[in-house]
Structure formats: structure tokens, C-alpha cells
PDB file of N, CA and C in Angstrom:
ATOM      1  N   MET A   1      24.640 114.683 -11.316  1.00  0.00           N
ATOM      2  CA  MET A   1      23.939 114.437 -10.085  1.00  0.00           C
ATOM      3  C   MET A   1      23.581 115.764  -9.442  1.00  0.00           C
ATOM      4  N   ILE A   2      22.356 115.882  -9.006  1.00  0.00           N
ATOM      5  CA  ILE A   2      21.882 117.120  -8.398  1.00  0.00           C
ATOM      6  C   ILE A   2      22.198 117.099  -6.910  1.00  0.00           C
ATOM      7  N   ALA A   3      22.774 118.172  -6.426  1.00  0.00           N
ATOM      8  CA  ALA A   3      23.076 118.279  -4.998  1.00  0.00           C
ATOM      9  C   ALA A   3      21.840 118.750  -4.260  1.00  0.00           C
ATOM     10  N   LEU A   4      21.542 118.100  -3.182  1.00  0.00           N
ATOM     11  CA  LEU A   4      20.420 118.496  -2.358  1.00  0.00           C
ATOM     12  C   LEU A   4      20.972 119.067  -1.058  1.00  0.00           C
ATOM     13  N   PRO A   5      21.008 120.376  -0.929  1.00  0.00           N
ATOM     14  CA  PRO A   5      21.674 120.999   0.205  1.00  0.00           C
ATOM     15  C   PRO A   5      21.016 120.689   1.549  1.00  0.00           C
ATOM     16  N   PHE A   6      19.770 120.326   1.552  1.00  0.00           N
ATOM     17  CA  PHE A   6      19.087 120.074   2.814  1.00  0.00           C
ATOM     18  C   PHE A   6      19.295 118.654   3.323  1.00  0.00           C
ATOM     19  N   LEU A   7      19.893 117.768   2.510  1.00  0.00           N
ATOM     20  CA  LEU A   7      20.207 116.408   2.951  1.00  0.00           C
ATOM     21  C   LEU A   7      21.689 116.301   3.256  1.00  0.00           C
ATOM     22  N   ARG A   8      21.970 115.786   4.424  1.00  0.00           N
ATOM     23  CA  ARG A   8      23.352 115.545   4.799  1.00  0.00           C
ATOM     24  C   ARG A   8      23.668 114.066   4.561  1.00  0.00           C
ATOM     25  N   LYS A   9      24.928 113.761   4.431  1.00  0.00           N
ATOM     26  CA  LYS A   9      25.350 112.371   4.231  1.00  0.00           C
ATOM     27  C   LYS A   9      24.854 111.487   5.374  1.00  0.00           C
ATOM     28  N   ALA A  10      24.870 112.002   6.585  1.00  0.00           N
ATOM     29  CA  ALA A  10      24.411 111.239   7.755  1.00  0.00           C
ATOM     30  C   ALA A  10      22.925 110.897   7.649  1.00  0.00           C
ATOM     31  N   ASP A  11      22.152 111.715   6.941  1.00  0.00           N
ATOM     32  CA  ASP A  11      20.726 111.448   6.779  1.00  0.00           C
ATOM     33  C   ASP A  11      20.476 110.275   5.835  1.00  0.00           C
ATOM     34  N   ILE A  12      21.411 109.997   4.963  1.00  0.00           N
ATOM     35  CA  ILE A  12      21.252 108.958   3.951  1.00  0.00           C
ATOM     36  C   ILE A  12      21.782 107.619   4.426  1.00  0.00           C
ATOM     37  N   GLU A  13      22.868 107.615   5.177  1.00  0.00           N
ATOM     38  CA  GLU A  13      23.491 106.373   5.627  1.00  0.00           C
ATOM     39  C   GLU A  13      22.625 105.670   6.664  1.00  0.00           C
ATOM     40  N   ALA A  14      22.736 104.357   6.684  1.00  0.00           N
ATOM     41  CA  ALA A  14      22.005 103.573   7.678  1.00  0.00           C
ATOM     42  C   ALA A  14      22.599 103.834   9.060  1.00  0.00           C
ATOM     43  N   PRO A  15      21.752 103.872  10.076  1.00  0.00           N
ATOM     44  CA  PRO A  15      22.273 104.060  11.430  1.00  0.00           C
ATOM     45  C   PRO A  15      23.230 102.923  11.797  1.00  0.00           C
ATOM     46  N   PRO A  16      24.201 103.200  12.659  1.00  0.00           N
ATOM     47  CA  PRO A  16      25.198 102.175  13.019  1.00  0.00           C
ATOM     48  C   PRO A  16      24.580 100.901  13.585  1.00  0.00           C
ATOM     49  N   ASP A  17      23.511 101.013  14.356  1.00  0.00           N
ATOM     50  CA  ASP A  17      22.917  99.808  14.933  1.00  0.00           C
ATOM     51  C   ASP A  17      22.294  98.917  13.871  1.00  0.00           C
ATOM     52  N   VAL A  18      21.750  99.514  12.814  1.00  0.00           N
ATOM     53  CA  VAL A  18      21.186  98.728  11.710  1.00  0.00           C
ATOM     54  C   VAL A  18      22.315  98.022  10.957  1.00  0.00           C
ATOM     55  N   GLU A  19      23.393  98.739  10.721  1.00  0.00           N
ATOM     56  CA  GLU A  19      24.534  98.143  10.029  1.00  0.00           C
ATOM     57  C   GLU A  19      25.125  96.999  10.855  1.00  0.00           C
ATOM     58  N   ALA A  20      25.252  97.201  12.151  1.00  0.00           N
ATOM     59  CA  ALA A  20      25.810  96.171  13.028  1.00  0.00           C
ATOM     60  C   ALA A  20      24.920  94.937  13.039  1.00  0.00           C
ATOM     61  N   ALA A  21      23.613  95.139  13.081  1.00  0.00           N
ATOM     62  CA  ALA A  21      22.682  94.003  13.068  1.00  0.00           C
ATOM     63  C   ALA A  21      22.792  93.233  11.757  1.00  0.00           C
ATOM     64  N   SER A  22      22.946  93.951  10.674  1.00  0.00           N
ATOM     65  CA  SER A  22      23.089  93.308   9.372  1.00  0.00           C
ATOM     66  C   SER A  22      24.368  92.478   9.311  1.00  0.00           C
ATOM     67  N   LEU A  23      25.454  93.019   9.830  1.00  0.00           N
ATOM     68  CA  LEU A  23      26.720  92.278   9.843  1.00  0.00           C
ATOM     69  C   LEU A  23      26.622  91.035  10.720  1.00  0.00           C
ATOM     70  N   ARG A  24      25.979  91.155  11.885  1.00  0.00           N
ATOM     71  CA  ARG A  24      25.813  89.989  12.759  1.00  0.00           C
ATOM     72  C   ARG A  24      24.995  88.918  12.053  1.00  0.00           C
ATOM     73  N   SER A  25      23.946  89.325  11.380  1.00  0.00           N
ATOM     74  CA  SER A  25      23.099  88.384  10.667  1.00  0.00           C
ATOM     75  C   SER A  25      23.881  87.669   9.571  1.00  0.00           C
ATOM     76  N   ASP A  26      24.674  88.418   8.826  1.00  0.00           N
ATOM     77  CA  ASP A  26      25.486  87.825   7.758  1.00  0.00           C
ATOM     78  C   ASP A  26      26.501  86.842   8.316  1.00  0.00           C
ATOM     79  N   ARG A  27      27.184  87.221   9.384  1.00  0.00           N
ATOM     80  CA  ARG A  27      28.171  86.324   9.988  1.00  0.00           C
ATOM     81  C   ARG A  27      27.516  85.066  10.540  1.00  0.00           C
ATOM     82  N   PHE A  28      26.378  85.233  11.186  1.00  0.00           N
ATOM     83  CA  PHE A  28      25.637  84.098  11.737  1.00  0.00           C
ATOM     84  C   PHE A  28      25.279  83.113  10.623  1.00  0.00           C
ATOM     85  N   ARG A  29      24.726  83.650   9.542  1.00  0.00           N
ATOM     86  CA  ARG A  29      24.313  82.810   8.422  1.00  0.00           C
ATOM     87  C   ARG A  29      25.513  82.137   7.764  1.00  0.00           C
ATOM     88  N   LEU A  30      26.555  82.884   7.479  1.00  0.00           N
ATOM     89  CA  LEU A  30      27.720  82.320   6.806  1.00  0.00           C
ATOM     90  C   LEU A  30      28.394  81.229   7.625  1.00  0.00           C
ATOM     91  N   ALA A  31      28.413  81.390   8.938  1.00  0.00           N
ATOM     92  CA  ALA A  31      29.060  80.399   9.799  1.00  0.00           C
ATOM     93  C   ALA A  31      28.303  79.079   9.834  1.00  0.00           C
ATOM     94  N   ARG A  32      27.000  79.104   9.534  1.00  0.00           N
ATOM     95  CA  ARG A  32      26.170  77.904   9.685  1.00  0.00           C
ATOM     96  C   ARG A  32      25.539  77.396   8.392  1.00  0.00           C
ATOM     97  N   GLU A  33      25.624  78.189   7.359  1.00  0.00           N
ATOM     98  CA  GLU A  33      24.908  77.886   6.119  1.00  0.00           C
ATOM     99  C   GLU A  33      25.296  76.539   5.510  1.00  0.00           C
ATOM    100  N   GLY A  34      26.543  76.148   5.591  1.00  0.00           N
ATOM    101  CA  GLY A  34      26.971  74.864   5.034  1.00  0.00           C
ATOM    102  C   GLY A  34      26.242  73.696   5.693  1.00  0.00           C
ATOM    103  N   ASP A  35      26.111  73.747   7.005  1.00  0.00           N
ATOM    104  CA  ASP A  35      25.395  72.686   7.721  1.00  0.00           C
ATOM    105  C   ASP A  35      23.910  72.694   7.376  1.00  0.00           C
ATOM    106  N   TRP A  36      23.325  73.891   7.243  1.00  0.00           N
ATOM    107  CA  TRP A  36      21.903  73.970   6.876  1.00  0.00           C
ATOM    108  C   TRP A  36      21.673  73.359   5.495  1.00  0.00           C
ATOM    109  N   ARG A  37      22.567  73.648   4.575  1.00  0.00           N
ATOM    110  CA  ARG A  37      22.418  73.110   3.214  1.00  0.00           C
ATOM    111  C   ARG A  37      22.613  71.584   3.210  1.00  0.00           C
ATOM    112  N   ARG A  38      23.535  71.114   4.012  1.00  0.00           N
ATOM    113  CA  ARG A  38      23.736  69.659   4.108  1.00  0.00           C
ATOM    114  C   ARG A  38      22.479  68.989   4.655  1.00  0.00           C
ATOM    115  N   LEU A  39      21.894  69.561   5.702  1.00  0.00           N
ATOM    116  CA  LEU A  39      20.649  69.025   6.245  1.00  0.00           C
ATOM    117  C   LEU A  39      19.553  69.063   5.188  1.00  0.00           C
ATOM    118  N   ASP A  40      19.472  70.136   4.450  1.00  0.00           N
ATOM    119  CA  ASP A  40      18.472  70.273   3.384  1.00  0.00           C
ATOM    120  C   ASP A  40      18.627  69.158   2.351  1.00  0.00           C
ATOM    121  N   ARG A  41      19.873  68.858   1.960  1.00  0.00           N
ATOM    122  CA  ARG A  41      20.119  67.793   0.979  1.00  0.00           C
ATOM    123  C   ARG A  41      19.728  66.420   1.543  1.00  0.00           C
ATOM    124  N   ILE A  42      20.049  66.178   2.811  1.00  0.00           N
ATOM    125  CA  ILE A  42      19.712  64.891   3.431  1.00  0.00           C
ATOM    126  C   ILE A  42      18.201  64.728   3.498  1.00  0.00           C
ATOM    127  N   VAL A  43      17.519  65.768   3.945  1.00  0.00           N
ATOM    128  CA  VAL A  43      16.051  65.702   4.057  1.00  0.00           C
ATOM    129  C   VAL A  43      15.418  65.523   2.689  1.00  0.00           C
ATOM    130  N   GLU A  44      15.953  66.195   1.694  1.00  0.00           N
ATOM    131  CA  GLU A  44      15.426  66.042   0.334  1.00  0.00           C
ATOM    132  C   GLU A  44      15.564  64.587  -0.133  1.00  0.00           C
ATOM    133  N   SER A  45      16.686  63.966   0.154  1.00  0.00           N
ATOM    134  CA  SER A  45      16.875  62.555  -0.208  1.00  0.00           C
ATOM    135  C   SER A  45      15.863  61.675   0.513  1.00  0.00           C
ATOM    136  N   LEU A  46      15.636  61.958   1.796  1.00  0.00           N
ATOM    137  CA  LEU A  46      14.657  61.174   2.554  1.00  0.00           C
ATOM    138  C   LEU A  46      13.249  61.369   2.003  1.00  0.00           C
ATOM    139  N   GLU A  47      12.905  62.599   1.654  1.00  0.00           N
ATOM    140  CA  GLU A  47      11.575  62.892   1.101  1.00  0.00           C
ATOM    141  C   GLU A  47      11.346  62.168  -0.226  1.00  0.00           C
ATOM    142  N   LYS A  48      12.406  61.987  -0.982  1.00  0.00           N
ATOM    143  CA  LYS A  48      12.303  61.324  -2.283  1.00  0.00           C
ATOM    144  C   LYS A  48      12.475  59.815  -2.177  1.00  0.00           C
ATOM    145  N   GLY A  49      12.570  59.303  -0.943  1.00  0.00           N
ATOM    146  CA  GLY A  49      12.699  57.859  -0.747  1.00  0.00           C
ATOM    147  C   GLY A  49      14.053  57.315  -1.123  1.00  0.00           C
ATOM    148  N   ARG A  50      15.073  58.122  -1.025  1.00  0.00           N
ATOM    149  CA  ARG A  50      16.428  57.706  -1.422  1.00  0.00           C
ATOM    150  C   ARG A  50      17.305  57.418  -0.207  1.00  0.00           C
ATOM    151  N   LEU A  51      16.763  56.757   0.776  1.00  0.00           N
ATOM    152  CA  LEU A  51      17.498  56.466   1.997  1.00  0.00           C
ATOM    153  C   LEU A  51      18.770  55.672   1.708  1.00  0.00           C
ATOM    154  N   ARG A  52      18.691  54.723   0.800  1.00  0.00           N
ATOM    155  CA  ARG A  52      19.855  53.879   0.490  1.00  0.00           C
ATOM    156  C   ARG A  52      20.998  54.660  -0.150  1.00  0.00           C
ATOM    157  N   ARG A  53      20.692  55.801  -0.742  1.00  0.00           N
ATOM    158  CA  ARG A  53      21.740  56.604  -1.381  1.00  0.00           C
ATOM    159  C   ARG A  53      22.507  57.475  -0.392  1.00  0.00           C
ATOM    160  N   LEU A  54      21.985  57.600   0.824  1.00  0.00           N
ATOM    161  CA  LEU A  54      22.669  58.421   1.817  1.00  0.00           C
ATOM    162  C   LEU A  54      23.873  57.679   2.384  1.00  0.00           C
ATOM    163  N   SER A  55      24.917  58.417   2.614  1.00  0.00           N
ATOM    164  CA  SER A  55      26.112  57.810   3.204  1.00  0.00           C
ATOM    165  C   SER A  55      25.885  57.597   4.700  1.00  0.00           C
ATOM    166  N   ASP A  56      26.706  56.723   5.264  1.00  0.00           N
ATOM    167  CA  ASP A  56      26.645  56.514   6.711  1.00  0.00           C
ATOM    168  C   ASP A  56      26.933  57.821   7.457  1.00  0.00           C
ATOM    169  N   ASP A  57      27.862  58.598   6.933  1.00  0.00           N
ATOM    170  CA  ASP A  57      28.196  59.882   7.561  1.00  0.00           C
ATOM    171  C   ASP A  57      26.992  60.824   7.597  1.00  0.00           C
ATOM    172  N   ASP A  58      26.228  60.859   6.492  1.00  0.00           N
ATOM    173  CA  ASP A  58      25.041  61.710   6.458  1.00  0.00           C
ATOM    174  C   ASP A  58      23.977  61.226   7.436  1.00  0.00           C
ATOM    175  N   LEU A  59      23.783  59.929   7.505  1.00  0.00           N
ATOM    176  CA  LEU A  59      22.786  59.391   8.440  1.00  0.00           C
ATOM    177  C   LEU A  59      23.180  59.666   9.886  1.00  0.00           C
ATOM    178  N   LEU A  60      24.458  59.523  10.197  1.00  0.00           N
ATOM    179  CA  LEU A  60      24.916  59.807  11.553  1.00  0.00           C
ATOM    180  C   LEU A  60      24.858  61.305  11.870  1.00  0.00           C
ATOM    181  N   ALA A  61      25.048  62.135  10.861  1.00  0.00           N
ATOM    182  CA  ALA A  61      25.040  63.583  11.061  1.00  0.00           C
ATOM    183  C   ALA A  61      23.621  64.156  11.154  1.00  0.00           C
ATOM    184  N   LEU A  62      22.634  63.431  10.663  1.00  0.00           N
ATOM    185  CA  LEU A  62      21.272  63.955  10.598  1.00  0.00           C
ATOM    186  C   LEU A  62      20.762  64.513  11.927  1.00  0.00           C
ATOM    187  N   PRO A  63      20.805  63.760  13.030  1.00  0.00           N
ATOM    188  CA  PRO A  63      20.279  64.333  14.274  1.00  0.00           C
ATOM    189  C   PRO A  63      21.078  65.537  14.774  1.00  0.00           C
ATOM    190  N   VAL A  64      22.371  65.513  14.549  1.00  0.00           N
ATOM    191  CA  VAL A  64      23.215  66.638  14.970  1.00  0.00           C
ATOM    192  C   VAL A  64      22.875  67.879  14.146  1.00  0.00           C
ATOM    193  N   LEU A  65      22.767  67.707  12.836  1.00  0.00           N
ATOM    194  CA  LEU A  65      22.432  68.825  11.958  1.00  0.00           C
ATOM    195  C   LEU A  65      21.053  69.388  12.263  1.00  0.00           C
ATOM    196  N   TYR A  66      20.116  68.499  12.564  1.00  0.00           N
ATOM    197  CA  TYR A  66      18.764  68.959  12.895  1.00  0.00           C
ATOM    198  C   TYR A  66      18.786  69.787  14.188  1.00  0.00           C
ATOM    199  N   ARG A  67      19.479  69.299  15.206  1.00  0.00           N
ATOM    200  CA  ARG A  67      19.552  70.047  16.468  1.00  0.00           C
ATOM    201  C   ARG A  67      20.235  71.396  16.272  1.00  0.00           C
ATOM    202  N   GLN A  68      21.267  71.415  15.440  1.00  0.00           N
ATOM    203  CA  GLN A  68      21.946  72.683  15.153  1.00  0.00           C
ATOM    204  C   GLN A  68      21.008  73.656  14.434  1.00  0.00           C
ATOM    205  N   ALA A  69      20.228  73.148  13.489  1.00  0.00           N
ATOM    206  CA  ALA A  69      19.287  74.009  12.765  1.00  0.00           C
ATOM    207  C   ALA A  69      18.206  74.532  13.706  1.00  0.00           C
ATOM    208  N   ALA A  70      17.700  73.666  14.584  1.00  0.00           N
ATOM    209  CA  ALA A  70      16.686  74.094  15.545  1.00  0.00           C
ATOM    210  C   ALA A  70      17.264  75.133  16.510  1.00  0.00           C
ATOM    211  N   SER A  71      18.502  74.934  16.918  1.00  0.00           N
ATOM    212  CA  SER A  71      19.173  75.899  17.785  1.00  0.00           C
ATOM    213  C   SER A  71      19.383  77.230  17.054  1.00  0.00           C
ATOM    214  N   SER A  72      19.787  77.149  15.806  1.00  0.00           N
ATOM    215  CA  SER A  72      19.962  78.357  14.997  1.00  0.00           C
ATOM    216  C   SER A  72      18.647  79.106  14.856  1.00  0.00           C
ATOM    217  N   LEU A  73      17.573  78.368  14.695  1.00  0.00           N
ATOM    218  CA  LEU A  73      16.259  78.989  14.588  1.00  0.00           C
ATOM    219  C   LEU A  73      15.911  79.731  15.879  1.00  0.00           C
ATOM    220  N   ALA A  74      16.186  79.105  17.016  1.00  0.00           N
ATOM    221  CA  ALA A  74      15.913  79.759  18.299  1.00  0.00           C
ATOM    222  C   ALA A  74      16.734  81.045  18.443  1.00  0.00           C
ATOM    223  N   VAL A  75      18.001  80.986  18.057  1.00  0.00           N
ATOM    224  CA  VAL A  75      18.858  82.178  18.125  1.00  0.00           C
ATOM    225  C   VAL A  75      18.343  83.246  17.170  1.00  0.00           C
ATOM    226  N   ALA A  76      17.965  82.838  15.966  1.00  0.00           N
ATOM    227  CA  ALA A  76      17.457  83.795  14.975  1.00  0.00           C
ATOM    228  C   ALA A  76      16.201  84.497  15.482  1.00  0.00           C
ATOM    229  N   ARG A  77      15.339  83.761  16.147  1.00  0.00           N
ATOM    230  CA  ARG A  77      14.123  84.372  16.710  1.00  0.00           C
ATOM    231  C   ARG A  77      14.449  85.326  17.848  1.00  0.00           C
ATOM    232  N   GLU A  78      15.363  84.926  18.711  1.00  0.00           N
ATOM    233  CA  GLU A  78      15.718  85.743  19.883  1.00  0.00           C
ATOM    234  C   GLU A  78      16.413  87.040  19.495  1.00  0.00           C
ATOM    235  N   THR A  79      17.241  86.982  18.479  1.00  0.00           N
ATOM    236  CA  THR A  79      18.054  88.146  18.128  1.00  0.00           C
ATOM    237  C   THR A  79      17.489  88.921  16.948  1.00  0.00           C
ATOM    238  N   SER A  80      16.325  88.537  16.487  1.00  0.00           N
ATOM    239  CA  SER A  80      15.663  89.241  15.379  1.00  0.00           C
ATOM    240  C   SER A  80      16.562  89.335  14.155  1.00  0.00           C
ATOM    241  N   LEU A  81      17.113  88.201  13.754  1.00  0.00           N
ATOM    242  CA  LEU A  81      17.926  88.191  12.537  1.00  0.00           C
ATOM    243  C   LEU A  81      17.038  88.433  11.328  1.00  0.00           C
ATOM    244  N   ASP A  82      17.637  88.574  10.179  1.00  0.00           N
ATOM    245  CA  ASP A  82      16.874  88.947   8.994  1.00  0.00           C
ATOM    246  C   ASP A  82      15.750  87.953   8.702  1.00  0.00           C
ATOM    247  N   ALA A  83      14.688  88.469   8.136  1.00  0.00           N
ATOM    248  CA  ALA A  83      13.470  87.689   7.908  1.00  0.00           C
ATOM    249  C   ALA A  83      13.703  86.511   6.966  1.00  0.00           C
ATOM    250  N   ALA A  84      14.560  86.670   5.975  1.00  0.00           N
ATOM    251  CA  ALA A  84      14.803  85.582   5.023  1.00  0.00           C
ATOM    252  C   ALA A  84      15.464  84.389   5.710  1.00  0.00           C
ATOM    253  N   THR A  85      16.439  84.655   6.570  1.00  0.00           N
ATOM    254  CA  THR A  85      17.105  83.571   7.299  1.00  0.00           C
ATOM    255  C   THR A  85      16.119  82.892   8.235  1.00  0.00           C
ATOM    256  N   LEU A  86      15.315  83.669   8.892  1.00  0.00           N
ATOM    257  CA  LEU A  86      14.315  83.126   9.812  1.00  0.00           C
ATOM    258  C   LEU A  86      13.318  82.235   9.068  1.00  0.00           C
ATOM    259  N   ARG A  87      12.813  82.699   7.933  1.00  0.00           N
ATOM    260  CA  ARG A  87      11.873  81.885   7.136  1.00  0.00           C
ATOM    261  C   ARG A  87      12.520  80.591   6.654  1.00  0.00           C
ATOM    262  N   TYR A  88      13.774  80.681   6.193  1.00  0.00           N
ATOM    263  CA  TYR A  88      14.472  79.497   5.709  1.00  0.00           C
ATOM    264  C   TYR A  88      14.603  78.461   6.818  1.00  0.00           C
ATOM    265  N   LEU A  89      15.042  78.898   7.986  1.00  0.00           N
ATOM    266  CA  LEU A  89      15.225  77.968   9.102  1.00  0.00           C
ATOM    267  C   LEU A  89      13.894  77.380   9.571  1.00  0.00           C
ATOM    268  N   GLU A  90      12.854  78.199   9.636  1.00  0.00           N
ATOM    269  CA  GLU A  90      11.539  77.676  10.020  1.00  0.00           C
ATOM    270  C   GLU A  90      11.083  76.606   9.037  1.00  0.00           C
ATOM    271  N   SER A  91      11.287  76.870   7.772  1.00  0.00           N
ATOM    272  CA  SER A  91      10.912  75.908   6.738  1.00  0.00           C
ATOM    273  C   SER A  91      11.734  74.628   6.851  1.00  0.00           C
ATOM    274  N   LEU A  92      13.021  74.761   7.057  1.00  0.00           N
ATOM    275  CA  LEU A  92      13.911  73.605   7.145  1.00  0.00           C
ATOM    276  C   LEU A  92      13.561  72.736   8.350  1.00  0.00           C
ATOM    277  N   VAL A  93      13.381  73.350   9.493  1.00  0.00           N
ATOM    278  CA  VAL A  93      13.081  72.581  10.696  1.00  0.00           C
ATOM    279  C   VAL A  93      11.692  71.945  10.612  1.00  0.00           C
ATOM    280  N   ARG A  94      10.725  72.695  10.120  1.00  0.00           N
ATOM    281  CA  ARG A  94       9.368  72.162   9.977  1.00  0.00           C
ATOM    282  C   ARG A  94       9.343  71.005   8.969  1.00  0.00           C
ATOM    283  N   ARG A  95      10.058  71.175   7.889  1.00  0.00           N
ATOM    284  CA  ARG A  95      10.123  70.156   6.840  1.00  0.00           C
ATOM    285  C   ARG A  95      10.743  68.872   7.367  1.00  0.00           C
ATOM    286  N   GLU A  96      11.812  69.018   8.128  1.00  0.00           N
ATOM    287  CA  GLU A  96      12.485  67.861   8.682  1.00  0.00           C
ATOM    288  C   GLU A  96      11.548  67.142   9.662  1.00  0.00           C
ATOM    289  N   LEU A  97      10.863  67.901  10.482  1.00  0.00           N
ATOM    290  CA  LEU A  97       9.931  67.298  11.434  1.00  0.00           C
ATOM    291  C   LEU A  97       8.833  66.527  10.713  1.00  0.00           C
ATOM    292  N   ALA A  98       8.304  67.122   9.661  1.00  0.00           N
ATOM    293  CA  ALA A  98       7.234  66.489   8.904  1.00  0.00           C
ATOM    294  C   ALA A  98       7.705  65.175   8.278  1.00  0.00           C
ATOM    295  N   GLY A  99       8.954  65.144   7.862  1.00  0.00           N
ATOM    296  CA  GLY A  99       9.497  63.952   7.224  1.00  0.00           C
ATOM    297  C   GLY A  99       9.671  62.781   8.187  1.00  0.00           C
ATOM    298  N   TRP A 100       9.818  63.070   9.463  1.00  0.00           N
ATOM    299  CA  TRP A 100      10.046  62.014  10.455  1.00  0.00           C
ATOM    300  C   TRP A 100       8.830  61.704  11.297  1.00  0.00           C
ATOM    301  N   ALA A 101       7.762  62.469  11.141  1.00  0.00           N
ATOM    302  CA  ALA A 101       6.557  62.259  11.966  1.00  0.00           C
ATOM    303  C   ALA A 101       5.775  61.053  11.487  1.00  0.00           C
TER     304      ALA A 101
END
């Protein structure tokens, strides 16, 4: 490895605020991802016309999961979370809305 004397380690590392934002985004996603995936599975079943295959628990959870996803989307927009999470949530909420319209 070639040493570059004009570059310091601090010049290469991400600034602390970028690292902190990344950690917040990861924690936010990890704390909610299970519910988002459950909503995704329920909506997929509805889109495929498999309403009868859904459990009573899933049907009862649907409005709660949707509100949580919409709330997560609002938080993601307000706090400028990572673009991939934002796109996923926008897609999930829009998809769910389209399925019930």
C-alpha cells in the first residue's frame, strides 16, 4: 500500500454527523422493518386475490400496519433518512392505497 503523506486519516473518514445519520437510519429501519414486510405480504395476497388465505390476525392488523407505514414514511421524509428506505416506504404506502381505492 502506498502512503500518501498529504492525506490524513481524518480526511478519509466520514464526518461524525454523516455516521450518526446513517446509524439513526439503520436503527429506524431495523425497528420497523418486520412490520413493513408483514404489510407487504398482506398487500401482495390482496393484490393476487387471496383474501381467503389471510388470517384473521393479518386482516385485523392491516389498518394498523398501514398507519404505521404511513407514519414511518412521514418520519423518513422529515428526517431525511436514506433514499432506499424512503423509496421503499413510498412504494409500499402507494401500493396499499392503490389496492384499496
